[in-house]
Amino acid sequence: MTPKVTPLMERSFADATNCHGLKRARWRGLWRQAIQDLLIAIVQNLRKLIRHLSQSHPERAGHLSALLSLFLDRPSLLFAS
C-alpha cells in the first residue's frame, strides 16, 4: 500500500523543479549545491507559511510579506551585524 505522503512530496519536488531551478546547479561543488537546495526549501516553506497566515491571520501575512520583500530587495540586511 502506497503512503499518502507520496503525492505531496512529488508536488513539492515538481514545484522546486519548475519554479526554482532544482534541476540545474548554479555553482560547482557539492557544498554549494547543498546551499542551493536549502535555499529552495526555505523559499518553499516561506510560501507555505504566508499562504497559511493569509487564511488564518491576514494582517500578519501582510506584515510577513512586506518584511520578506524588504529582505529580497536588500539581502545584505540578513547578514548585517
Protein backbone atom coordinates (compact mmCIF):
# COMPACT_ATOMS: atom_id res chain seq x y z
CA MET A 1 0.00 0.00 0.00
CA THR A 2 1.41 3.38 -1.02
CA PRO A 3 1.50 6.01 1.72
CA LYS A 4 -0.49 9.21 1.20
CA VAL A 5 2.63 11.35 1.61
CA THR A 6 3.92 10.45 -1.86
CA PRO A 7 1.69 12.83 -3.89
CA LEU A 8 2.56 15.69 -1.55
CA MET A 9 6.28 15.02 -1.93
CA GLU A 10 6.00 14.68 -5.70
CA ARG A 11 4.20 18.02 -5.88
CA SER A 12 6.88 19.67 -3.76
CA PHE A 13 9.70 18.37 -5.97
CA ALA A 14 7.79 19.36 -9.11
CA ASP A 15 7.36 22.88 -7.74
CA ALA A 16 11.06 23.10 -6.88
CA THR A 17 12.00 21.85 -10.34
CA ASN A 18 9.60 24.01 -12.33
CA CYS A 19 9.70 27.23 -10.31
CA HIS A 20 13.04 27.32 -8.51
CA GLY A 21 15.60 25.59 -10.74
CA LEU A 22 16.18 22.42 -8.74
CA LYS A 23 17.44 20.51 -11.81
CA ARG A 24 20.29 22.89 -12.56
CA ALA A 25 23.22 23.73 -10.31
CA ARG A 26 24.05 27.40 -10.10
CA TRP A 27 27.53 26.79 -8.70
CA ARG A 28 30.07 23.96 -8.84
CA GLY A 29 30.73 21.75 -5.84
CA LEU A 30 28.62 19.60 -3.57
CA TRP A 31 28.57 22.04 -0.67
CA ARG A 32 27.43 24.86 -2.96
CA GLN A 33 24.70 22.62 -4.37
CA ALA A 34 23.62 21.84 -0.81
CA ILE A 35 23.30 25.58 -0.16
CA GLN A 36 21.14 25.99 -3.27
CA ASP A 37 18.91 23.09 -2.23
CA LEU A 38 18.48 24.57 1.26
CA LEU A 39 17.61 27.98 -0.17
CA ILE A 40 14.95 26.40 -2.40
CA ALA A 41 13.49 24.59 0.61
CA ILE A 42 13.45 27.83 2.61
CA VAL A 43 11.58 29.64 -0.16
CA GLN A 44 9.02 26.84 -0.42
CA ASN A 45 8.46 26.81 3.33
CA LEU A 46 8.07 30.59 3.47
CA ARG A 47 5.47 30.44 0.69
CA LYS A 48 3.54 27.81 2.66
CA LEU A 49 3.77 29.93 5.82
CA ILE A 50 2.49 33.04 4.07
CA ARG A 51 -0.35 31.07 2.45
CA HIS A 52 -1.36 29.62 5.83
CA LEU A 53 -1.16 33.00 7.56
CA SER A 54 -3.17 34.70 4.83
CA GLN A 55 -6.03 32.29 5.52
CA SER A 56 -5.91 32.39 9.31
CA HIS A 57 -4.44 35.85 10.10
CA PRO A 58 -4.49 38.14 7.04
CA GLU A 59 -2.95 41.11 8.87
CA ARG A 60 0.08 39.07 9.94
CA ALA A 61 0.55 37.71 6.44
CA GLY A 62 0.76 41.26 5.09
CA HIS A 63 3.46 42.16 7.61
CA LEU A 64 5.42 39.00 6.82
CA SER A 65 5.16 39.61 3.07
CA ALA A 66 6.40 43.17 3.48
CA LEU A 67 9.33 42.00 5.61
CA LEU A 68 10.29 39.31 3.13
CA SER A 69 10.14 41.69 0.19
CA LEU A 70 12.45 44.05 2.11
CA PHE A 71 14.99 41.26 2.56
CA LEU A 72 14.66 40.18 -1.06
CA ASP A 73 15.31 43.73 -2.23
CA ARG A 74 18.32 44.13 0.08
CA PRO A 75 19.74 40.71 1.05
CA SER A 76 22.70 42.35 2.80
CA LEU A 77 20.30 43.18 5.67
CA LEU A 78 20.26 39.49 6.58
CA PHE A 79 23.99 39.46 7.23
CA ALA A 80 24.42 42.85 8.85
CA SER A 81 25.92 42.70 12.32
